[in-house]
Amino acid sequence: MLFQWTLIIWGFALLAFMSVGGFFMFRKFMKVLPKNDGMSKLDWQNHYVEASRHLWTEESKAFLDKLVQPVPSPFRDIARHSIAAKIGQVALESGANEVTREHCIEGYILATPRRDYKALVTFLEKQNIDYTPFRHLLHGK
């Protein structure tokens, strides 16, 4: 009887683990699908990272590392890449000669999902980072 219950519980655990893994695989698959312009979300991220690579200074790279500190370490590299892509996009669209702290803050806000805004604001305030010029981005997204 105990063996049967163990098998049933193990079966449900496997089903739950496979469902969670499938969910994340599906999300990754959706990012790879091409949009109307023929490029996927990941293609655009890679484009902006490569196109803005020459604009990054040591100071802006260090500030980016500071911004991704609250992200759990297994996801930090992925978050750094997507945030760097958005920062690069902001810098390129503004015609800047280098990535500044303001570009980093604006790109960080734009790259952060709306559901994480509360944690984002808490982190910025804890680090004494002035985000007031970009406060409107927290409401308009």
N, C-alpha and C. Protein backbone atom coordinates (compact mmCIF):
# COMPACT_ATOMS: atom_id res chain seq x y z
N MET A 1 0.82 -1.20 0.00
CA MET A 1 0.00 0.00 0.00
C MET A 1 0.87 1.28 0.00
N LEU A 2 1.94 1.25 0.80
CA LEU A 2 2.85 2.39 0.86
C LEU A 2 3.54 2.59 -0.49
N PHE A 3 3.89 1.49 -1.13
CA PHE A 3 4.55 1.56 -2.43
C PHE A 3 3.63 2.20 -3.47
N GLN A 4 2.35 1.89 -3.45
CA GLN A 4 1.40 2.47 -4.40
C GLN A 4 1.27 3.97 -4.19
N TRP A 5 1.18 4.38 -2.95
CA TRP A 5 1.08 5.82 -2.66
C TRP A 5 2.36 6.55 -3.07
N THR A 6 3.50 5.90 -2.87
CA THR A 6 4.77 6.50 -3.29
C THR A 6 4.79 6.70 -4.79
N LEU A 7 4.33 5.69 -5.53
CA LEU A 7 4.27 5.81 -6.99
C LEU A 7 3.31 6.92 -7.43
N ILE A 8 2.18 7.03 -6.79
CA ILE A 8 1.20 8.06 -7.15
C ILE A 8 1.76 9.45 -6.86
N ILE A 9 2.34 9.63 -5.70
CA ILE A 9 2.92 10.94 -5.34
C ILE A 9 4.08 11.27 -6.27
N TRP A 10 4.92 10.29 -6.57
CA TRP A 10 6.04 10.52 -7.46
C TRP A 10 5.55 10.88 -8.86
N GLY A 11 4.48 10.23 -9.30
CA GLY A 11 3.89 10.56 -10.61
C GLY A 11 3.41 12.00 -10.68
N PHE A 12 2.74 12.46 -9.63
CA PHE A 12 2.29 13.85 -9.60
C PHE A 12 3.47 14.82 -9.53
N ALA A 13 4.51 14.45 -8.78
CA ALA A 13 5.70 15.31 -8.71
C ALA A 13 6.36 15.43 -10.08
N LEU A 14 6.50 14.32 -10.79
CA LEU A 14 7.08 14.36 -12.13
C LEU A 14 6.24 15.21 -13.08
N LEU A 15 4.93 15.05 -13.00
CA LEU A 15 4.03 15.85 -13.84
C LEU A 15 4.20 17.34 -13.53
N ALA A 16 4.31 17.70 -12.25
CA ALA A 16 4.48 19.10 -11.88
C ALA A 16 5.81 19.64 -12.39
N PHE A 17 6.89 18.88 -12.22
CA PHE A 17 8.21 19.32 -12.68
C PHE A 17 8.24 19.48 -14.20
N MET A 18 7.64 18.54 -14.91
CA MET A 18 7.61 18.63 -16.37
C MET A 18 6.77 19.81 -16.83
N SER A 19 5.70 20.12 -16.11
CA SER A 19 4.86 21.27 -16.47
C SER A 19 5.61 22.58 -16.29
N VAL A 20 6.33 22.70 -15.19
CA VAL A 20 7.11 23.92 -14.96
C VAL A 20 8.19 24.06 -16.01
N GLY A 21 8.91 22.99 -16.29
CA GLY A 21 9.95 23.03 -17.32
C GLY A 21 9.38 23.35 -18.68
N GLY A 22 8.24 22.77 -19.01
CA GLY A 22 7.59 23.04 -20.29
C GLY A 22 7.17 24.49 -20.42
N PHE A 23 6.70 25.07 -19.32
CA PHE A 23 6.30 26.48 -19.33
C PHE A 23 7.48 27.37 -19.70
N PHE A 24 8.63 27.14 -19.06
CA PHE A 24 9.79 27.97 -19.35
C PHE A 24 10.36 27.71 -20.74
N MET A 25 10.28 26.48 -21.21
CA MET A 25 10.72 26.19 -22.58
C MET A 25 9.82 26.88 -23.58
N PHE A 26 8.51 26.91 -23.30
CA PHE A 26 7.57 27.58 -24.20
C PHE A 26 7.84 29.08 -24.25
N ARG A 27 8.13 29.68 -23.09
CA ARG A 27 8.45 31.12 -23.08
C ARG A 27 9.69 31.40 -23.91
N LYS A 28 10.71 30.56 -23.79
CA LYS A 28 11.93 30.75 -24.56
C LYS A 28 11.64 30.57 -26.05
N PHE A 29 10.81 29.60 -26.39
CA PHE A 29 10.42 29.37 -27.78
C PHE A 29 9.71 30.59 -28.36
N MET A 30 8.85 31.23 -27.57
CA MET A 30 8.12 32.40 -28.05
C MET A 30 9.06 33.57 -28.32
N LYS A 31 10.16 33.68 -27.57
CA LYS A 31 11.13 34.75 -27.80
C LYS A 31 11.92 34.55 -29.09
N VAL A 32 12.02 33.31 -29.54
CA VAL A 32 12.81 32.99 -30.72
C VAL A 32 12.00 33.13 -32.00
N LEU A 33 10.68 33.13 -31.90
CA LEU A 33 9.84 33.25 -33.09
C LEU A 33 10.01 34.63 -33.72
N PRO A 34 10.14 34.68 -35.05
CA PRO A 34 10.30 35.99 -35.71
C PRO A 34 9.03 36.82 -35.65
N LYS A 35 9.21 38.12 -35.51
CA LYS A 35 8.09 39.07 -35.53
C LYS A 35 7.81 39.48 -36.96
N ASN A 36 6.98 40.49 -37.15
CA ASN A 36 6.61 40.96 -38.49
C ASN A 36 7.82 41.45 -39.29
N ASP A 37 8.84 41.97 -38.60
CA ASP A 37 10.02 42.49 -39.29
C ASP A 37 11.03 41.40 -39.64
N GLY A 38 10.74 40.15 -39.28
CA GLY A 38 11.61 39.04 -39.61
C GLY A 38 12.64 38.71 -38.55
N MET A 39 12.73 39.52 -37.51
CA MET A 39 13.69 39.27 -36.44
C MET A 39 12.94 38.96 -35.15
N SER A 40 13.49 38.05 -34.36
CA SER A 40 12.87 37.69 -33.09
C SER A 40 13.31 38.67 -32.00
N LYS A 41 12.70 38.52 -30.84
CA LYS A 41 13.07 39.36 -29.70
C LYS A 41 14.54 39.14 -29.33
N LEU A 42 14.99 37.89 -29.37
CA LEU A 42 16.40 37.60 -29.07
C LEU A 42 17.33 38.17 -30.13
N ASP A 43 16.89 38.14 -31.40
CA ASP A 43 17.71 38.74 -32.48
C ASP A 43 17.90 40.23 -32.23
N TRP A 44 16.83 40.92 -31.84
CA TRP A 44 16.93 42.35 -31.57
C TRP A 44 17.83 42.63 -30.37
N GLN A 45 17.71 41.79 -29.33
CA GLN A 45 18.58 41.97 -28.17
C GLN A 45 20.04 41.84 -28.58
N ASN A 46 20.36 40.81 -29.33
CA ASN A 46 21.74 40.61 -29.79
C ASN A 46 22.20 41.77 -30.67
N HIS A 47 21.31 42.27 -31.51
CA HIS A 47 21.64 43.40 -32.38
C HIS A 47 22.02 44.63 -31.56
N TYR A 48 21.19 44.97 -30.57
CA TYR A 48 21.46 46.17 -29.76
C TYR A 48 22.70 46.01 -28.89
N VAL A 49 22.95 44.81 -28.40
CA VAL A 49 24.16 44.59 -27.61
C VAL A 49 25.40 44.79 -28.49
N GLU A 50 25.39 44.21 -29.67
CA GLU A 50 26.55 44.33 -30.57
C GLU A 50 26.71 45.75 -31.10
N ALA A 51 25.59 46.38 -31.46
CA ALA A 51 25.66 47.73 -32.03
C ALA A 51 26.12 48.77 -31.01
N SER A 52 25.86 48.52 -29.74
CA SER A 52 26.23 49.50 -28.71
C SER A 52 27.49 49.11 -27.94
N ARG A 53 28.13 48.03 -28.31
CA ARG A 53 29.31 47.54 -27.58
C ARG A 53 30.39 48.61 -27.44
N HIS A 54 30.61 49.40 -28.48
CA HIS A 54 31.66 50.43 -28.44
C HIS A 54 31.28 51.63 -27.57
N LEU A 55 30.02 51.75 -27.18
CA LEU A 55 29.57 52.88 -26.36
C LEU A 55 29.76 52.65 -24.86
N TRP A 56 30.00 51.41 -24.46
CA TRP A 56 30.09 51.08 -23.05
C TRP A 56 31.45 51.48 -22.49
N THR A 57 31.42 52.14 -21.33
CA THR A 57 32.64 52.47 -20.60
C THR A 57 32.76 51.53 -19.40
N GLU A 58 33.90 51.55 -18.76
CA GLU A 58 34.07 50.71 -17.57
C GLU A 58 33.09 51.12 -16.47
N GLU A 59 32.85 52.43 -16.37
CA GLU A 59 31.92 52.94 -15.35
C GLU A 59 30.50 52.45 -15.62
N SER A 60 30.06 52.50 -16.89
CA SER A 60 28.71 52.05 -17.21
C SER A 60 28.56 50.54 -17.06
N LYS A 61 29.61 49.78 -17.34
CA LYS A 61 29.58 48.33 -17.13
C LYS A 61 29.47 48.01 -15.64
N ALA A 62 30.21 48.75 -14.82
CA ALA A 62 30.15 48.54 -13.38
C ALA A 62 28.77 48.90 -12.84
N PHE A 63 28.18 49.97 -13.40
CA PHE A 63 26.84 50.36 -12.96
C PHE A 63 25.81 49.31 -13.37
N LEU A 64 25.96 48.72 -14.55
CA LEU A 64 25.07 47.64 -14.99
C LEU A 64 25.19 46.45 -14.04
N ASP A 65 26.40 46.11 -13.65
CA ASP A 65 26.59 45.02 -12.69
C ASP A 65 25.91 45.33 -11.37
N LYS A 66 25.95 46.57 -10.96
CA LYS A 66 25.27 46.98 -9.72
C LYS A 66 23.76 46.85 -9.87
N LEU A 67 23.24 47.17 -11.05
CA LEU A 67 21.79 47.11 -11.27
C LEU A 67 21.26 45.67 -11.29
N VAL A 68 22.07 44.73 -11.72
CA VAL A 68 21.58 43.34 -11.79
C VAL A 68 21.86 42.54 -10.52
N GLN A 69 22.39 43.18 -9.49
CA GLN A 69 22.66 42.49 -8.23
C GLN A 69 21.43 41.80 -7.63
N PRO A 70 20.24 42.42 -7.65
CA PRO A 70 19.10 41.75 -7.00
C PRO A 70 18.59 40.52 -7.76
N VAL A 71 19.03 40.31 -8.98
CA VAL A 71 18.58 39.16 -9.76
C VAL A 71 19.29 37.92 -9.22
N PRO A 72 18.54 36.83 -8.99
CA PRO A 72 19.19 35.60 -8.50
C PRO A 72 20.31 35.16 -9.44
N SER A 73 21.40 34.67 -8.88
CA SER A 73 22.60 34.37 -9.66
C SER A 73 22.39 33.43 -10.85
N PRO A 74 21.51 32.42 -10.79
CA PRO A 74 21.33 31.58 -11.99
C PRO A 74 20.77 32.34 -13.19
N PHE A 75 20.05 33.43 -12.94
CA PHE A 75 19.41 34.19 -14.01
C PHE A 75 20.12 35.50 -14.31
N ARG A 76 21.18 35.80 -13.59
CA ARG A 76 21.83 37.10 -13.68
C ARG A 76 22.42 37.38 -15.06
N ASP A 77 23.06 36.40 -15.68
CA ASP A 77 23.65 36.62 -17.00
C ASP A 77 22.60 36.92 -18.05
N ILE A 78 21.49 36.20 -18.00
CA ILE A 78 20.41 36.44 -18.95
C ILE A 78 19.82 37.82 -18.72
N ALA A 79 19.62 38.18 -17.45
CA ALA A 79 19.07 39.50 -17.13
C ALA A 79 20.04 40.60 -17.56
N ARG A 80 21.33 40.39 -17.34
CA ARG A 80 22.34 41.39 -17.73
C ARG A 80 22.29 41.61 -19.24
N HIS A 81 22.15 40.54 -20.00
CA HIS A 81 22.12 40.65 -21.46
C HIS A 81 20.87 41.40 -21.93
N SER A 82 19.71 41.08 -21.38
CA SER A 82 18.48 41.75 -21.84
C SER A 82 18.45 43.20 -21.38
N ILE A 83 18.96 43.50 -20.19
CA ILE A 83 19.01 44.88 -19.72
C ILE A 83 20.04 45.67 -20.52
N ALA A 84 21.18 45.07 -20.81
CA ALA A 84 22.20 45.73 -21.62
C ALA A 84 21.67 46.03 -23.02
N ALA A 85 20.86 45.13 -23.56
CA ALA A 85 20.27 45.35 -24.88
C ALA A 85 19.34 46.57 -24.85
N LYS A 86 18.52 46.67 -23.82
CA LYS A 86 17.60 47.81 -23.72
C LYS A 86 18.37 49.10 -23.49
N ILE A 87 19.40 49.05 -22.66
CA ILE A 87 20.24 50.24 -22.44
C ILE A 87 20.92 50.65 -23.74
N GLY A 88 21.45 49.68 -24.46
CA GLY A 88 22.07 49.96 -25.76
C GLY A 88 21.09 50.58 -26.73
N GLN A 89 19.86 50.08 -26.75
CA GLN A 89 18.84 50.64 -27.62
C GLN A 89 18.57 52.09 -27.26
N VAL A 90 18.43 52.37 -25.96
CA VAL A 90 18.19 53.74 -25.50
C VAL A 90 19.34 54.66 -25.91
N ALA A 91 20.57 54.19 -25.72
CA ALA A 91 21.75 55.00 -26.05
C ALA A 91 21.85 55.24 -27.55
N LEU A 92 21.61 54.21 -28.35
CA LEU A 92 21.70 54.36 -29.80
C LEU A 92 20.61 55.28 -30.34
N GLU A 93 19.40 55.14 -29.82
CA GLU A 93 18.29 55.98 -30.29
C GLU A 93 18.47 57.44 -29.90
N SER A 94 19.20 57.69 -28.81
CA SER A 94 19.44 59.07 -28.40
C SER A 94 20.66 59.67 -29.12
N GLY A 95 21.41 58.84 -29.85
CA GLY A 95 22.58 59.33 -30.58
C GLY A 95 23.75 59.65 -29.68
N ALA A 96 23.86 58.96 -28.56
CA ALA A 96 24.91 59.24 -27.58
C ALA A 96 26.27 58.73 -28.06
N ASN A 97 27.32 59.35 -27.51
CA ASN A 97 28.69 58.92 -27.79
C ASN A 97 29.15 57.82 -26.85
N GLU A 98 28.47 57.71 -25.70
CA GLU A 98 28.78 56.66 -24.74
C GLU A 98 27.55 56.40 -23.89
N VAL A 99 27.52 55.23 -23.27
CA VAL A 99 26.42 54.88 -22.38
C VAL A 99 26.64 55.59 -21.06
N THR A 100 25.64 56.37 -20.64
CA THR A 100 25.75 57.12 -19.39
C THR A 100 24.90 56.45 -18.31
N ARG A 101 25.04 56.98 -17.12
CA ARG A 101 24.25 56.49 -15.99
C ARG A 101 22.75 56.66 -16.26
N GLU A 102 22.38 57.77 -16.90
CA GLU A 102 20.97 58.03 -17.22
C GLU A 102 20.44 56.99 -18.21
N HIS A 103 21.26 56.64 -19.20
CA HIS A 103 20.84 55.59 -20.14
C HIS A 103 20.62 54.28 -19.40
N CYS A 104 21.52 53.99 -18.45
CA CYS A 104 21.41 52.75 -17.69
C CYS A 104 20.13 52.71 -16.87
N ILE A 105 19.81 53.81 -16.21
CA ILE A 105 18.60 53.83 -15.38
C ILE A 105 17.35 53.71 -16.26
N GLU A 106 17.31 54.46 -17.36
CA GLU A 106 16.15 54.39 -18.25
C GLU A 106 16.01 53.00 -18.86
N GLY A 107 17.10 52.43 -19.35
CA GLY A 107 17.05 51.10 -19.93
C GLY A 107 16.67 50.04 -18.92
N TYR A 108 17.16 50.20 -17.70
CA TYR A 108 16.84 49.26 -16.61
C TYR A 108 15.35 49.27 -16.33
N ILE A 109 14.76 50.45 -16.28
CA ILE A 109 13.31 50.56 -16.03
C ILE A 109 12.54 49.96 -17.20
N LEU A 110 12.95 50.28 -18.43
CA LEU A 110 12.23 49.78 -19.60
C LEU A 110 12.36 48.27 -19.76
N ALA A 111 13.48 47.69 -19.33
CA ALA A 111 13.70 46.25 -19.47
C ALA A 111 13.02 45.44 -18.37
N THR A 112 12.62 46.11 -17.29
CA THR A 112 12.02 45.42 -16.16
C THR A 112 10.53 45.21 -16.40
N PRO A 113 10.04 43.99 -16.18
CA PRO A 113 8.60 43.75 -16.33
C PRO A 113 7.80 44.56 -15.31
N ARG A 114 6.61 44.95 -15.69
CA ARG A 114 5.75 45.78 -14.85
C ARG A 114 5.53 45.17 -13.46
N ARG A 115 5.42 43.84 -13.40
CA ARG A 115 5.15 43.18 -12.12
C ARG A 115 6.28 43.35 -11.12
N ASP A 116 7.48 43.70 -11.61
CA ASP A 116 8.65 43.86 -10.73
C ASP A 116 8.97 45.31 -10.39
N TYR A 117 8.09 46.24 -10.74
CA TYR A 117 8.36 47.65 -10.50
C TYR A 117 8.53 47.98 -9.02
N LYS A 118 7.76 47.33 -8.17
CA LYS A 118 7.86 47.63 -6.74
C LYS A 118 9.25 47.26 -6.22
N ALA A 119 9.74 46.10 -6.61
CA ALA A 119 11.09 45.68 -6.19
C ALA A 119 12.15 46.58 -6.83
N LEU A 120 11.92 46.99 -8.07
CA LEU A 120 12.85 47.88 -8.77
C LEU A 120 12.99 49.20 -8.03
N VAL A 121 11.87 49.81 -7.66
CA VAL A 121 11.89 51.09 -6.94
C VAL A 121 12.55 50.93 -5.58
N THR A 122 12.24 49.85 -4.89
CA THR A 122 12.86 49.59 -3.59
C THR A 122 14.37 49.48 -3.72
N PHE A 123 14.83 48.76 -4.74
CA PHE A 123 16.28 48.60 -4.96
C PHE A 123 16.93 49.93 -5.28
N LEU A 124 16.32 50.71 -6.19
CA LEU A 124 16.90 52.00 -6.56
C LEU A 124 16.99 52.94 -5.35
N GLU A 125 15.96 52.95 -4.53
CA GLU A 125 15.97 53.81 -3.35
C GLU A 125 16.98 53.33 -2.32
N LYS A 126 17.12 52.02 -2.16
CA LYS A 126 18.09 51.48 -1.21
C LYS A 126 19.52 51.81 -1.65
N GLN A 127 19.76 51.85 -2.96
CA GLN A 127 21.09 52.15 -3.49
C GLN A 127 21.32 53.66 -3.67
N ASN A 128 20.34 54.48 -3.27
CA ASN A 128 20.40 55.94 -3.42
C ASN A 128 20.62 56.36 -4.87
N ILE A 129 19.91 55.71 -5.78
CA ILE A 129 19.97 56.03 -7.20
C ILE A 129 18.77 56.90 -7.53
N ASP A 130 19.03 58.09 -8.04
CA ASP A 130 17.95 59.04 -8.35
C ASP A 130 17.31 58.65 -9.69
N TYR A 131 16.05 58.22 -9.60
CA TYR A 131 15.32 57.83 -10.80
C TYR A 131 14.16 58.78 -11.10
N THR A 132 14.11 59.92 -10.42
CA THR A 132 12.99 60.85 -10.59
C THR A 132 12.79 61.32 -12.03
N PRO A 133 13.86 61.53 -12.85
CA PRO A 133 13.59 61.95 -14.23
C PRO A 133 12.88 60.86 -15.05
N PHE A 134 12.89 59.63 -14.56
CA PHE A 134 12.30 58.52 -15.30
C PHE A 134 11.08 57.92 -14.59
N ARG A 135 10.58 58.63 -13.59
CA ARG A 135 9.43 58.13 -12.84
C ARG A 135 8.22 57.92 -13.74
N HIS A 136 8.10 58.76 -14.76
CA HIS A 136 6.95 58.61 -15.69
C HIS A 136 6.96 57.27 -16.42
N LEU A 137 8.13 56.65 -16.59
CA LEU A 137 8.21 55.36 -17.25
C LEU A 137 7.58 54.24 -16.42
N LEU A 138 7.55 54.44 -15.11
CA LEU A 138 6.98 53.43 -14.22
C LEU A 138 5.45 53.40 -14.31
N HIS A 139 4.86 54.42 -14.88
CA HIS A 139 3.40 54.48 -14.97
C HIS A 139 2.90 54.34 -16.39
N GLY A 140 3.75 54.63 -17.36
CA GLY A 140 3.30 54.66 -18.74
C GLY A 140 3.51 53.39 -19.53
N LYS A 141 4.06 52.37 -18.93
CA LYS A 141 4.38 51.14 -19.66
C LYS A 141 3.20 50.22 -19.78
